[in-house]
Amino acid sequence: MNALLLSLVLHAASLKPDAPPVAEQGQSWSLLSGRTVGDGRGAIEAVAGWPAVSVGYLRGVAPQFDVGVRAGFVYGREGLLSAVLPGLKVQGLLKLRLMSAGALSVAATFEPGPFFNIEYGQAVWGFSLPLGLRVGVAASSALTLALSFDVPLWVQFGPTGGLAVPFLPGVGVEYFVKSDLLIFARGRIGPTLRQNRLAELALDLSIGLGWRM
């Protein structure tokens, strides 16, 4: 019995203590990377570029979870270069932070919502179900680099519609003018596979600003 107790004591002494958590580097929030706006905080975004001009609001409902809404005027159907059409789009915004340690952060996003475009004088309706992954690296206290990969599924209703499956890898950069004010630029490009059609090129290029309240 004494030998068993001695063995357990020696084994416990040989175990290394848990490593302390890695402190975050850079700013505590982000729009493009894997970091959220913070529990109980809100942030406004304003975006302009192709294929839309929009405004949005995000609210931190938990340290790792944001919800919000975005609405905008669009002039390209889901980024397709072959479909320059005016319209409107509304999206719900969900962002779940998966990890944030040191300079690295990772999050998953889901941004569903309806859209419509005017085509040949008629309204054409659809619904988007975009899934995405965000990876951010804080290069400094003022600069964050972001990588993204999105599969913004969408469905166009009507006899000429159908399912579309885009694959859009992208890059972005955020510059923090102040701790609660940032400007950003981002770009995504890739193919869109459409039902009963050839693959088409989709593009998303935009600049914007974010203000955390």
N, C-alpha and C. Protein backbone atom coordinates (compact mmCIF):
# COMPACT_ATOMS: atom_id res chain seq x y z
N MET A 1 0.83 -1.21 0.00
CA MET A 1 0.00 0.00 0.00
C MET A 1 0.86 1.25 0.00
N ASN A 2 1.92 1.23 0.88
CA ASN A 2 2.82 2.39 0.93
C ASN A 2 3.51 2.61 -0.40
N ALA A 3 3.90 1.50 -1.03
CA ALA A 3 4.56 1.61 -2.33
C ALA A 3 3.63 2.21 -3.38
N LEU A 4 2.34 1.83 -3.33
CA LEU A 4 1.36 2.36 -4.27
C LEU A 4 1.15 3.86 -4.06
N LEU A 5 1.04 4.27 -2.77
CA LEU A 5 0.88 5.70 -2.49
C LEU A 5 2.09 6.49 -2.93
N LEU A 6 3.29 5.94 -2.69
CA LEU A 6 4.50 6.62 -3.11
C LEU A 6 4.55 6.78 -4.62
N SER A 7 4.11 5.74 -5.33
CA SER A 7 4.10 5.79 -6.79
C SER A 7 3.15 6.87 -7.30
N LEU A 8 1.96 6.98 -6.68
CA LEU A 8 0.99 7.99 -7.09
C LEU A 8 1.51 9.40 -6.83
N VAL A 9 2.17 9.58 -5.68
CA VAL A 9 2.73 10.90 -5.35
C VAL A 9 3.80 11.30 -6.36
N LEU A 10 4.69 10.36 -6.68
CA LEU A 10 5.75 10.65 -7.63
C LEU A 10 5.18 10.95 -9.01
N HIS A 11 4.11 10.22 -9.40
CA HIS A 11 3.48 10.45 -10.70
C HIS A 11 2.84 11.85 -10.75
N ALA A 12 2.15 12.24 -9.67
CA ALA A 12 1.52 13.56 -9.62
C ALA A 12 2.57 14.66 -9.66
N ALA A 13 3.70 14.44 -9.00
CA ALA A 13 4.75 15.45 -9.00
C ALA A 13 5.37 15.62 -10.37
N SER A 14 5.35 14.53 -11.17
CA SER A 14 5.97 14.60 -12.49
C SER A 14 5.09 15.29 -13.53
N LEU A 15 3.78 15.46 -13.22
CA LEU A 15 2.89 16.09 -14.18
C LEU A 15 3.15 17.59 -14.23
N LYS A 16 3.17 18.14 -15.44
CA LYS A 16 3.38 19.58 -15.61
C LYS A 16 2.06 20.31 -15.38
N PRO A 17 2.09 21.48 -14.76
CA PRO A 17 0.85 22.25 -14.58
C PRO A 17 0.32 22.71 -15.93
N ASP A 18 -1.00 22.93 -15.97
CA ASP A 18 -1.60 23.42 -17.21
C ASP A 18 -0.96 24.73 -17.62
N ALA A 19 -0.71 24.87 -18.94
CA ALA A 19 -0.13 26.10 -19.44
C ALA A 19 -1.14 27.23 -19.34
N PRO A 20 -0.72 28.43 -18.98
CA PRO A 20 -1.66 29.55 -18.91
C PRO A 20 -2.19 29.88 -20.31
N PRO A 21 -3.42 30.42 -20.41
CA PRO A 21 -3.96 30.77 -21.71
C PRO A 21 -3.11 31.83 -22.41
N VAL A 22 -3.05 31.73 -23.73
CA VAL A 22 -2.27 32.69 -24.52
C VAL A 22 -3.06 33.98 -24.64
N ALA A 23 -2.44 35.09 -24.25
CA ALA A 23 -3.12 36.39 -24.30
C ALA A 23 -3.34 36.82 -25.76
N GLU A 24 -4.48 37.45 -26.00
CA GLU A 24 -4.78 37.95 -27.33
C GLU A 24 -3.86 39.11 -27.67
N GLN A 25 -3.48 39.20 -28.95
CA GLN A 25 -2.70 40.31 -29.45
C GLN A 25 -3.57 41.14 -30.39
N GLY A 26 -3.25 42.41 -30.53
CA GLY A 26 -4.03 43.28 -31.39
C GLY A 26 -5.31 43.74 -30.70
N GLN A 27 -6.28 44.15 -31.48
CA GLN A 27 -7.54 44.66 -30.95
C GLN A 27 -8.46 43.51 -30.51
N SER A 28 -9.39 43.83 -29.63
CA SER A 28 -10.25 42.79 -29.04
C SER A 28 -11.46 42.48 -29.91
N TRP A 29 -11.70 43.23 -31.00
CA TRP A 29 -12.87 42.99 -31.83
C TRP A 29 -12.48 43.15 -33.29
N SER A 30 -13.39 42.73 -34.17
CA SER A 30 -13.11 42.77 -35.60
C SER A 30 -14.39 42.52 -36.38
N LEU A 31 -14.43 43.00 -37.62
CA LEU A 31 -15.51 42.68 -38.54
C LEU A 31 -15.11 41.59 -39.53
N LEU A 32 -13.84 41.54 -39.92
CA LEU A 32 -13.40 40.60 -40.95
C LEU A 32 -12.76 39.34 -40.39
N SER A 33 -12.16 39.42 -39.22
CA SER A 33 -11.43 38.26 -38.70
C SER A 33 -12.34 37.40 -37.84
N GLY A 34 -11.73 36.53 -37.02
CA GLY A 34 -12.51 35.62 -36.20
C GLY A 34 -12.98 36.20 -34.88
N ARG A 35 -12.63 37.44 -34.56
CA ARG A 35 -13.02 38.04 -33.29
C ARG A 35 -14.41 38.67 -33.39
N THR A 36 -15.13 38.65 -32.28
CA THR A 36 -16.48 39.20 -32.21
C THR A 36 -16.43 40.61 -31.61
N VAL A 37 -17.59 41.28 -31.55
CA VAL A 37 -17.60 42.67 -31.09
C VAL A 37 -17.58 42.78 -29.56
N GLY A 38 -17.85 41.67 -28.86
CA GLY A 38 -17.80 41.69 -27.40
C GLY A 38 -19.17 41.61 -26.77
N ASP A 39 -19.26 40.91 -25.67
CA ASP A 39 -20.53 40.70 -24.98
C ASP A 39 -21.15 42.03 -24.57
N GLY A 40 -22.39 42.29 -25.01
CA GLY A 40 -23.08 43.51 -24.66
C GLY A 40 -22.70 44.72 -25.48
N ARG A 41 -21.78 44.58 -26.43
CA ARG A 41 -21.37 45.70 -27.27
C ARG A 41 -22.07 45.64 -28.62
N GLY A 42 -22.17 46.78 -29.27
CA GLY A 42 -22.76 46.83 -30.60
C GLY A 42 -21.81 47.49 -31.57
N ALA A 43 -21.94 47.15 -32.85
CA ALA A 43 -21.07 47.73 -33.88
C ALA A 43 -21.88 47.99 -35.14
N ILE A 44 -21.59 49.12 -35.78
CA ILE A 44 -22.22 49.49 -37.04
C ILE A 44 -21.18 49.37 -38.15
N GLU A 45 -21.60 48.83 -39.29
CA GLU A 45 -20.73 48.76 -40.45
C GLU A 45 -21.39 49.48 -41.63
N ALA A 46 -20.58 50.13 -42.44
CA ALA A 46 -21.03 50.75 -43.68
C ALA A 46 -20.08 50.29 -44.78
N VAL A 47 -20.64 49.74 -45.87
CA VAL A 47 -19.84 49.08 -46.90
C VAL A 47 -20.25 49.60 -48.28
N ALA A 48 -19.26 49.82 -49.15
CA ALA A 48 -19.52 50.22 -50.53
C ALA A 48 -18.58 49.46 -51.45
N GLY A 49 -19.09 49.04 -52.59
CA GLY A 49 -18.27 48.33 -53.57
C GLY A 49 -19.14 47.54 -54.52
N TRP A 50 -18.55 46.53 -55.12
CA TRP A 50 -19.30 45.60 -55.97
C TRP A 50 -19.59 44.34 -55.18
N PRO A 51 -20.82 43.86 -55.12
CA PRO A 51 -21.99 44.25 -55.91
C PRO A 51 -23.04 45.04 -55.14
N ALA A 52 -22.67 45.73 -54.04
CA ALA A 52 -23.70 46.34 -53.21
C ALA A 52 -23.15 47.50 -52.40
N VAL A 53 -24.09 48.33 -51.93
CA VAL A 53 -23.84 49.34 -50.92
C VAL A 53 -24.77 49.00 -49.76
N SER A 54 -24.22 48.85 -48.54
CA SER A 54 -25.04 48.35 -47.44
C SER A 54 -24.64 48.96 -46.11
N VAL A 55 -25.55 48.82 -45.15
CA VAL A 55 -25.27 49.16 -43.76
C VAL A 55 -25.70 47.97 -42.91
N GLY A 56 -25.03 47.78 -41.79
CA GLY A 56 -25.35 46.64 -40.94
C GLY A 56 -25.11 46.95 -39.47
N TYR A 57 -25.68 46.13 -38.62
CA TYR A 57 -25.52 46.27 -37.18
C TYR A 57 -25.27 44.90 -36.58
N LEU A 58 -24.26 44.80 -35.72
CA LEU A 58 -23.93 43.57 -35.00
C LEU A 58 -24.01 43.82 -33.51
N ARG A 59 -24.51 42.81 -32.79
CA ARG A 59 -24.62 42.89 -31.34
C ARG A 59 -24.00 41.65 -30.71
N GLY A 60 -23.13 41.86 -29.75
CA GLY A 60 -22.54 40.75 -29.04
C GLY A 60 -23.48 40.25 -27.96
N VAL A 61 -24.06 39.07 -28.16
CA VAL A 61 -24.99 38.50 -27.17
C VAL A 61 -24.29 37.55 -26.22
N ALA A 62 -23.05 37.23 -26.51
CA ALA A 62 -22.19 36.41 -25.66
C ALA A 62 -20.75 36.74 -26.06
N PRO A 63 -19.76 36.42 -25.23
CA PRO A 63 -18.38 36.75 -25.59
C PRO A 63 -17.95 36.19 -26.94
N GLN A 64 -18.51 35.03 -27.32
CA GLN A 64 -18.08 34.39 -28.56
C GLN A 64 -19.15 34.41 -29.66
N PHE A 65 -20.24 35.18 -29.50
CA PHE A 65 -21.35 35.08 -30.44
C PHE A 65 -21.95 36.45 -30.73
N ASP A 66 -22.03 36.80 -32.03
CA ASP A 66 -22.66 38.03 -32.50
C ASP A 66 -23.89 37.71 -33.32
N VAL A 67 -24.90 38.57 -33.23
CA VAL A 67 -26.06 38.50 -34.12
C VAL A 67 -26.29 39.89 -34.67
N GLY A 68 -26.95 39.98 -35.84
CA GLY A 68 -27.20 41.29 -36.41
C GLY A 68 -28.01 41.23 -37.67
N VAL A 69 -28.04 42.35 -38.38
CA VAL A 69 -28.81 42.47 -39.61
C VAL A 69 -28.07 43.42 -40.56
N ARG A 70 -28.22 43.17 -41.85
CA ARG A 70 -27.62 44.01 -42.89
C ARG A 70 -28.65 44.24 -44.00
N ALA A 71 -28.70 45.45 -44.53
CA ALA A 71 -29.60 45.76 -45.63
C ALA A 71 -28.86 46.64 -46.62
N GLY A 72 -29.13 46.42 -47.91
CA GLY A 72 -28.41 47.20 -48.89
C GLY A 72 -29.05 47.22 -50.26
N PHE A 73 -28.59 48.17 -51.07
CA PHE A 73 -28.94 48.26 -52.48
C PHE A 73 -27.90 47.50 -53.28
N VAL A 74 -28.34 46.57 -54.11
CA VAL A 74 -27.42 45.77 -54.91
C VAL A 74 -27.59 46.10 -56.38
N TYR A 75 -26.52 45.98 -57.13
CA TYR A 75 -26.59 46.19 -58.57
C TYR A 75 -25.89 45.07 -59.33
N GLY A 76 -25.66 43.95 -58.64
CA GLY A 76 -25.16 42.74 -59.27
C GLY A 76 -25.71 41.55 -58.53
N ARG A 77 -26.38 40.66 -59.21
CA ARG A 77 -26.99 39.51 -58.54
C ARG A 77 -25.94 38.60 -57.94
N GLU A 78 -25.81 38.63 -56.62
CA GLU A 78 -24.90 37.75 -55.87
C GLU A 78 -23.48 37.77 -56.42
N GLY A 79 -23.06 38.96 -56.88
CA GLY A 79 -21.69 39.13 -57.35
C GLY A 79 -21.40 38.66 -58.74
N LEU A 80 -22.38 38.12 -59.46
CA LEU A 80 -22.13 37.61 -60.81
C LEU A 80 -21.80 38.76 -61.77
N LEU A 81 -20.69 38.65 -62.46
CA LEU A 81 -20.31 39.69 -63.41
C LEU A 81 -21.21 39.70 -64.63
N SER A 82 -21.92 38.61 -64.85
CA SER A 82 -22.82 38.51 -66.00
C SER A 82 -24.24 38.98 -65.68
N ALA A 83 -24.50 39.42 -64.44
CA ALA A 83 -25.86 39.79 -64.04
C ALA A 83 -25.85 41.14 -63.34
N VAL A 84 -25.63 42.21 -64.12
CA VAL A 84 -25.64 43.57 -63.58
C VAL A 84 -27.08 44.03 -63.53
N LEU A 85 -27.71 43.86 -62.34
CA LEU A 85 -29.14 44.12 -62.17
C LEU A 85 -29.37 44.86 -60.86
N PRO A 86 -30.24 45.89 -60.85
CA PRO A 86 -30.53 46.59 -59.60
C PRO A 86 -31.45 45.78 -58.71
N GLY A 87 -31.35 46.00 -57.40
CA GLY A 87 -32.22 45.28 -56.49
C GLY A 87 -31.93 45.62 -55.05
N LEU A 88 -32.51 44.85 -54.14
CA LEU A 88 -32.35 45.01 -52.70
C LEU A 88 -32.04 43.67 -52.06
N LYS A 89 -31.38 43.74 -50.89
CA LYS A 89 -31.06 42.51 -50.18
C LYS A 89 -31.05 42.78 -48.68
N VAL A 90 -31.61 41.84 -47.90
CA VAL A 90 -31.61 41.91 -46.44
C VAL A 90 -31.04 40.59 -45.92
N GLN A 91 -30.17 40.69 -44.89
CA GLN A 91 -29.54 39.48 -44.34
C GLN A 91 -29.55 39.50 -42.82
N GLY A 92 -29.76 38.36 -42.22
CA GLY A 92 -29.45 38.17 -40.82
C GLY A 92 -27.97 37.83 -40.70
N LEU A 93 -27.35 38.21 -39.60
CA LEU A 93 -25.92 38.01 -39.40
C LEU A 93 -25.68 37.19 -38.14
N LEU A 94 -24.98 36.08 -38.29
CA LEU A 94 -24.59 35.24 -37.15
C LEU A 94 -23.10 34.96 -37.25
N LYS A 95 -22.38 35.18 -36.16
CA LYS A 95 -20.94 34.96 -36.15
C LYS A 95 -20.57 34.26 -34.85
N LEU A 96 -19.94 33.11 -34.96
CA LEU A 96 -19.53 32.31 -33.82
C LEU A 96 -18.01 32.22 -33.78
N ARG A 97 -17.41 32.77 -32.75
CA ARG A 97 -15.96 32.68 -32.60
C ARG A 97 -15.59 31.28 -32.14
N LEU A 98 -14.75 30.62 -32.92
CA LEU A 98 -14.31 29.27 -32.59
C LEU A 98 -13.07 29.25 -31.72
N MET A 99 -12.17 30.20 -31.94
CA MET A 99 -10.98 30.30 -31.10
C MET A 99 -10.35 31.67 -31.30
N SER A 100 -9.65 32.12 -30.26
CA SER A 100 -8.88 33.37 -30.33
C SER A 100 -7.76 33.28 -29.32
N ALA A 101 -6.54 33.21 -29.81
CA ALA A 101 -5.38 33.09 -28.94
C ALA A 101 -4.18 33.74 -29.61
N GLY A 102 -3.48 34.57 -28.87
CA GLY A 102 -2.35 35.26 -29.47
C GLY A 102 -2.83 36.17 -30.59
N ALA A 103 -2.18 36.08 -31.73
CA ALA A 103 -2.55 36.90 -32.87
C ALA A 103 -3.61 36.24 -33.75
N LEU A 104 -3.94 34.97 -33.49
CA LEU A 104 -4.80 34.20 -34.38
C LEU A 104 -6.24 34.14 -33.85
N SER A 105 -7.19 34.23 -34.78
CA SER A 105 -8.60 34.07 -34.43
C SER A 105 -9.32 33.37 -35.58
N VAL A 106 -10.35 32.58 -35.22
CA VAL A 106 -11.12 31.81 -36.20
C VAL A 106 -12.59 31.89 -35.83
N ALA A 107 -13.46 32.07 -36.84
CA ALA A 107 -14.90 32.13 -36.59
C ALA A 107 -15.64 31.53 -37.77
N ALA A 108 -16.88 31.10 -37.50
CA ALA A 108 -17.80 30.64 -38.54
C ALA A 108 -18.94 31.65 -38.65
N THR A 109 -19.44 31.86 -39.87
CA THR A 109 -20.51 32.83 -40.10
C THR A 109 -21.65 32.19 -40.88
N PHE A 110 -22.85 32.74 -40.67
CA PHE A 110 -24.05 32.34 -41.40
C PHE A 110 -24.88 33.60 -41.60
N GLU A 111 -25.19 33.94 -42.87
CA GLU A 111 -25.81 35.23 -43.18
C GLU A 111 -26.99 35.05 -44.14
N PRO A 112 -28.08 34.42 -43.68
CA PRO A 112 -29.20 34.14 -44.58
C PRO A 112 -30.08 35.37 -44.81
N GLY A 113 -30.77 35.39 -45.97
CA GLY A 113 -31.70 36.47 -46.20
C GLY A 113 -32.23 36.50 -47.63
N PRO A 114 -33.35 37.21 -47.85
CA PRO A 114 -33.95 37.31 -49.18
C PRO A 114 -33.33 38.44 -50.01
N PHE A 115 -33.47 38.32 -51.31
CA PHE A 115 -33.04 39.39 -52.22
C PHE A 115 -33.99 39.42 -53.41
N PHE A 116 -34.02 40.58 -54.08
CA PHE A 116 -34.72 40.62 -55.36
C PHE A 116 -33.99 41.57 -56.30
N ASN A 117 -34.10 41.27 -57.59
CA ASN A 117 -33.52 42.09 -58.64
C ASN A 117 -34.58 42.42 -59.67
N ILE A 118 -34.38 43.52 -60.36
CA ILE A 118 -35.24 43.89 -61.48
C ILE A 118 -34.59 43.39 -62.77
N GLU A 119 -35.26 42.47 -63.44
CA GLU A 119 -34.73 41.89 -64.67
C GLU A 119 -35.80 41.97 -65.75
N TYR A 120 -35.48 42.67 -66.84
CA TYR A 120 -36.42 42.87 -67.95
C TYR A 120 -37.75 43.45 -67.45
N GLY A 121 -37.64 44.39 -66.49
CA GLY A 121 -38.82 45.06 -66.00
C GLY A 121 -39.63 44.29 -64.98
N GLN A 122 -39.17 43.12 -64.56
CA GLN A 122 -39.90 42.31 -63.60
C GLN A 122 -39.02 42.01 -62.38
N ALA A 123 -39.67 41.85 -61.23
CA ALA A 123 -38.94 41.51 -60.01
C ALA A 123 -38.65 40.02 -59.96
N VAL A 124 -37.41 39.68 -59.72
CA VAL A 124 -36.99 38.29 -59.60
C VAL A 124 -36.51 38.08 -58.16
N TRP A 125 -37.12 37.13 -57.45
CA TRP A 125 -36.84 36.92 -56.04
C TRP A 125 -35.92 35.72 -55.83
N GLY A 126 -35.22 35.78 -54.71
CA GLY A 126 -34.36 34.67 -54.33
C GLY A 126 -34.06 34.68 -52.85
N PHE A 127 -33.32 33.70 -52.40
CA PHE A 127 -32.95 33.59 -50.99
C PHE A 127 -31.53 33.05 -50.91
N SER A 128 -30.70 33.69 -50.09
CA SER A 128 -29.31 33.27 -49.94
C SER A 128 -29.08 32.62 -48.58
N LEU A 129 -28.16 31.66 -48.54
CA LEU A 129 -27.82 30.93 -47.31
C LEU A 129 -26.29 30.84 -47.20
N PRO A 130 -25.62 31.97 -47.01
CA PRO A 130 -24.16 31.97 -47.05
C PRO A 130 -23.53 31.40 -45.78
N LEU A 131 -22.66 30.43 -45.97
CA LEU A 131 -21.83 29.87 -44.90
C LEU A 131 -20.39 30.32 -45.12
N GLY A 132 -19.70 30.67 -44.04
CA GLY A 132 -18.34 31.16 -44.21
C GLY A 132 -17.43 30.83 -43.05
N LEU A 133 -16.13 30.91 -43.31
CA LEU A 133 -15.09 30.71 -42.31
C LEU A 133 -14.17 31.94 -42.35
N ARG A 134 -13.87 32.48 -41.18
CA ARG A 134 -13.01 33.66 -41.06
C ARG A 134 -11.78 33.31 -40.24
N VAL A 135 -10.61 33.67 -40.76
CA VAL A 135 -9.35 33.49 -40.05
C VAL A 135 -8.63 34.83 -40.03
N GLY A 136 -8.28 35.30 -38.84
CA GLY A 136 -7.61 36.59 -38.73
C GLY A 136 -6.27 36.48 -38.04
N VAL A 137 -5.35 37.37 -38.44
CA VAL A 137 -4.03 37.46 -37.81
C VAL A 137 -3.78 38.92 -37.49
N ALA A 138 -3.58 39.23 -36.21
CA ALA A 138 -3.27 40.59 -35.79
C ALA A 138 -1.80 40.87 -36.07
N ALA A 139 -1.53 41.65 -37.11
CA ALA A 139 -0.14 41.97 -37.47
C ALA A 139 0.46 42.98 -36.52
N SER A 140 -0.39 43.84 -35.93
CA SER A 140 0.04 44.83 -34.95
C SER A 140 -1.20 45.28 -34.19
N SER A 141 -1.04 46.25 -33.31
CA SER A 141 -2.19 46.75 -32.56
C SER A 141 -3.17 47.49 -33.46
N ALA A 142 -2.72 47.94 -34.63
CA ALA A 142 -3.58 48.71 -35.53
C ALA A 142 -3.97 47.96 -36.79
N LEU A 143 -3.33 46.84 -37.08
CA LEU A 143 -3.52 46.17 -38.37
C LEU A 143 -3.89 44.70 -38.18
N THR A 144 -4.97 44.29 -38.83
CA THR A 144 -5.39 42.89 -38.82
C THR A 144 -5.53 42.40 -40.24
N LEU A 145 -4.96 41.25 -40.52
CA LEU A 145 -5.08 40.59 -41.82
C LEU A 145 -6.10 39.46 -41.70
N ALA A 146 -6.90 39.27 -42.74
CA ALA A 146 -7.99 38.29 -42.67
C ALA A 146 -8.02 37.44 -43.93
N LEU A 147 -8.27 36.15 -43.73
CA LEU A 147 -8.53 35.21 -44.81
C LEU A 147 -9.95 34.69 -44.63
N SER A 148 -10.61 34.42 -45.74
CA SER A 148 -11.98 33.91 -45.65
C SER A 148 -12.22 32.87 -46.72
N PHE A 149 -13.19 32.01 -46.44
CA PHE A 149 -13.68 31.08 -47.46
C PHE A 149 -15.18 30.98 -47.28
N ASP A 150 -15.92 31.34 -48.33
CA ASP A 150 -17.37 31.38 -48.25
C ASP A 150 -18.00 30.47 -49.30
N VAL A 151 -19.10 29.86 -48.90
CA VAL A 151 -19.95 29.11 -49.82
C VAL A 151 -21.35 29.75 -49.70
N PRO A 152 -21.55 30.88 -50.39
CA PRO A 152 -22.82 31.62 -50.26
C PRO A 152 -23.92 31.03 -51.15
N LEU A 153 -24.44 29.89 -50.76
CA LEU A 153 -25.52 29.25 -51.51
C LEU A 153 -26.69 30.21 -51.71
N TRP A 154 -27.31 30.17 -52.88
CA TRP A 154 -28.52 30.96 -53.08
C TRP A 154 -29.44 30.26 -54.08
N VAL A 155 -30.71 30.59 -53.94
CA VAL A 155 -31.74 30.02 -54.80
C VAL A 155 -32.51 31.16 -55.45
N GLN A 156 -32.66 31.09 -56.74
CA GLN A 156 -33.50 32.04 -57.47
C GLN A 156 -34.82 31.36 -57.80
N PHE A 157 -35.92 32.01 -57.41
CA PHE A 157 -37.23 31.44 -57.64
C PHE A 157 -37.72 31.74 -59.06
N GLY A 158 -38.67 30.93 -59.51
CA GLY A 158 -39.25 31.16 -60.82
C GLY A 158 -38.79 30.15 -61.85
N PRO A 159 -39.38 30.21 -63.04
CA PRO A 159 -39.08 29.20 -64.08
C PRO A 159 -37.65 29.26 -64.58
N THR A 160 -36.99 30.42 -64.49
CA THR A 160 -35.61 30.53 -64.97
C THR A 160 -34.60 30.45 -63.84
N GLY A 161 -35.07 30.12 -62.64
CA GLY A 161 -34.18 30.12 -61.48
C GLY A 161 -33.57 28.76 -61.21
N GLY A 162 -33.23 28.56 -59.94
CA GLY A 162 -32.60 27.31 -59.52
C GLY A 162 -31.55 27.56 -58.47
N LEU A 163 -30.84 26.51 -58.12
CA LEU A 163 -29.83 26.57 -57.08
C LEU A 163 -28.49 27.02 -57.65
N ALA A 164 -27.78 27.85 -56.89
CA ALA A 164 -26.44 28.29 -57.25
C ALA A 164 -25.50 28.03 -56.08
N VAL A 165 -24.30 27.52 -56.39
CA VAL A 165 -23.32 27.18 -55.36
C VAL A 165 -22.00 27.89 -55.68
N PRO A 166 -21.75 29.05 -55.07
CA PRO A 166 -20.47 29.73 -55.28
C PRO A 166 -19.40 29.21 -54.33
N PHE A 167 -18.14 29.34 -54.75
CA PHE A 167 -16.97 29.04 -53.91
C PHE A 167 -16.08 30.27 -53.96
N LEU A 168 -16.04 31.02 -52.85
CA LEU A 168 -15.39 32.33 -52.87
C LEU A 168 -14.31 32.45 -51.79
N PRO A 169 -13.06 32.11 -52.09
CA PRO A 169 -11.98 32.45 -51.17
C PRO A 169 -11.69 33.94 -51.24
N GLY A 170 -11.19 34.50 -50.13
CA GLY A 170 -10.95 35.94 -50.13
C GLY A 170 -9.90 36.36 -49.12
N VAL A 171 -9.52 37.63 -49.23
CA VAL A 171 -8.56 38.25 -48.32
C VAL A 171 -9.10 39.61 -47.92
N GLY A 172 -8.64 40.10 -46.78
CA GLY A 172 -9.05 41.42 -46.32
C GLY A 172 -8.04 42.00 -45.36
N VAL A 173 -8.19 43.29 -45.09
CA VAL A 173 -7.31 43.98 -44.15
C VAL A 173 -8.13 45.02 -43.39
N GLU A 174 -7.89 45.12 -42.09
CA GLU A 174 -8.52 46.12 -41.25
C GLU A 174 -7.45 47.03 -40.64
N TYR A 175 -7.74 48.33 -40.63
CA TYR A 175 -6.85 49.28 -39.97
C TYR A 175 -7.65 50.01 -38.90
N PHE A 176 -7.18 49.94 -37.66
CA PHE A 176 -7.88 50.55 -36.55
C PHE A 176 -7.38 51.99 -36.37
N VAL A 177 -8.24 52.94 -36.76
CA VAL A 177 -7.93 54.35 -36.57
C VAL A 177 -7.89 54.66 -35.08
N LYS A 178 -8.86 54.12 -34.34
CA LYS A 178 -8.90 54.14 -32.88
C LYS A 178 -9.34 52.75 -32.43
N SER A 179 -9.35 52.52 -31.13
CA SER A 179 -9.69 51.18 -30.66
C SER A 179 -11.11 50.77 -31.02
N ASP A 180 -12.01 51.73 -31.22
CA ASP A 180 -13.40 51.41 -31.55
C ASP A 180 -13.81 51.91 -32.93
N LEU A 181 -12.84 52.26 -33.77
CA LEU A 181 -13.13 52.73 -35.13
C LEU A 181 -12.13 52.10 -36.10
N LEU A 182 -12.63 51.41 -37.12
CA LEU A 182 -11.75 50.78 -38.10
C LEU A 182 -12.22 51.06 -39.52
N ILE A 183 -11.29 50.96 -40.45
CA ILE A 183 -11.60 50.97 -41.88
C ILE A 183 -11.07 49.66 -42.46
N PHE A 184 -11.71 49.18 -43.52
CA PHE A 184 -11.30 47.89 -44.06
C PHE A 184 -11.47 47.84 -45.57
N ALA A 185 -10.78 46.88 -46.15
CA ALA A 185 -10.93 46.55 -47.57
C ALA A 185 -10.89 45.03 -47.68
N ARG A 186 -11.71 44.48 -48.58
CA ARG A 186 -11.75 43.03 -48.73
C ARG A 186 -12.09 42.67 -50.16
N GLY A 187 -11.73 41.46 -50.55
CA GLY A 187 -12.04 40.97 -51.88
C GLY A 187 -12.23 39.47 -51.87
N ARG A 188 -13.21 39.00 -52.65
CA ARG A 188 -13.47 37.56 -52.81
C ARG A 188 -13.74 37.32 -54.30
N ILE A 189 -13.27 36.20 -54.81
CA ILE A 189 -13.51 35.87 -56.21
C ILE A 189 -13.50 34.35 -56.38
N GLY A 190 -14.38 33.86 -57.25
CA GLY A 190 -14.43 32.43 -57.46
C GLY A 190 -15.58 32.05 -58.38
N PRO A 191 -15.71 30.77 -58.68
CA PRO A 191 -16.76 30.30 -59.59
C PRO A 191 -18.09 30.12 -58.87
N THR A 192 -19.16 30.30 -59.61
CA THR A 192 -20.50 29.97 -59.13
C THR A 192 -21.07 28.89 -60.04
N LEU A 193 -21.40 27.75 -59.45
CA LEU A 193 -21.99 26.64 -60.19
C LEU A 193 -23.50 26.79 -60.13
N ARG A 194 -24.15 26.91 -61.28
CA ARG A 194 -25.59 27.14 -61.33
C ARG A 194 -26.30 25.97 -61.99
N GLN A 195 -27.49 25.71 -61.51
CA GLN A 195 -28.28 24.59 -62.01
C GLN A 195 -28.61 24.79 -63.49
N ASN A 196 -28.27 23.77 -64.29
CA ASN A 196 -28.56 23.75 -65.73
C ASN A 196 -27.86 24.86 -66.50
N ARG A 197 -26.74 25.37 -65.96
CA ARG A 197 -25.99 26.42 -66.65
C ARG A 197 -24.50 26.16 -66.49
N LEU A 198 -23.72 26.88 -67.29
CA LEU A 198 -22.27 26.82 -67.16
C LEU A 198 -21.85 27.60 -65.91
N ALA A 199 -20.69 27.28 -65.39
CA ALA A 199 -20.15 28.01 -64.25
C ALA A 199 -19.89 29.45 -64.64
N GLU A 200 -20.15 30.37 -63.69
CA GLU A 200 -19.95 31.80 -63.93
C GLU A 200 -19.05 32.37 -62.85
N LEU A 201 -18.39 33.50 -63.17
CA LEU A 201 -17.46 34.12 -62.23
C LEU A 201 -18.21 35.10 -61.32
N ALA A 202 -17.96 35.00 -60.02
CA ALA A 202 -18.53 35.93 -59.04
C ALA A 202 -17.41 36.70 -58.37
N LEU A 203 -17.68 37.96 -58.06
CA LEU A 203 -16.67 38.86 -57.51
C LEU A 203 -17.29 39.72 -56.42
N ASP A 204 -16.54 39.94 -55.36
CA ASP A 204 -16.97 40.82 -54.27
C ASP A 204 -15.77 41.67 -53.88
N LEU A 205 -15.82 42.97 -54.18
CA LEU A 205 -14.77 43.91 -53.82
C LEU A 205 -15.40 45.08 -53.08
N SER A 206 -14.93 45.39 -51.90
CA SER A 206 -15.56 46.46 -51.14
C SER A 206 -14.61 47.09 -50.15
N ILE A 207 -14.96 48.31 -49.76
CA ILE A 207 -14.28 49.02 -48.69
C ILE A 207 -15.36 49.45 -47.69
N GLY A 208 -14.97 49.72 -46.46
CA GLY A 208 -15.98 50.10 -45.49
C GLY A 208 -15.36 50.56 -44.19
N LEU A 209 -16.24 50.86 -43.26
CA LEU A 209 -15.80 51.26 -41.93
C LEU A 209 -16.69 50.60 -40.88
N GLY A 210 -16.15 50.44 -39.71
CA GLY A 210 -16.88 49.88 -38.58
C GLY A 210 -16.66 50.72 -37.34
N TRP A 211 -17.72 50.90 -36.59
CA TRP A 211 -17.66 51.68 -35.35
C TRP A 211 -18.31 50.86 -34.24
N ARG A 212 -17.55 50.56 -33.20
CA ARG A 212 -18.09 49.83 -32.06
C ARG A 212 -18.53 50.83 -31.00
N MET A 213 -19.79 50.69 -30.59
CA MET A 213 -20.37 51.63 -29.64
C MET A 213 -20.20 51.14 -28.20
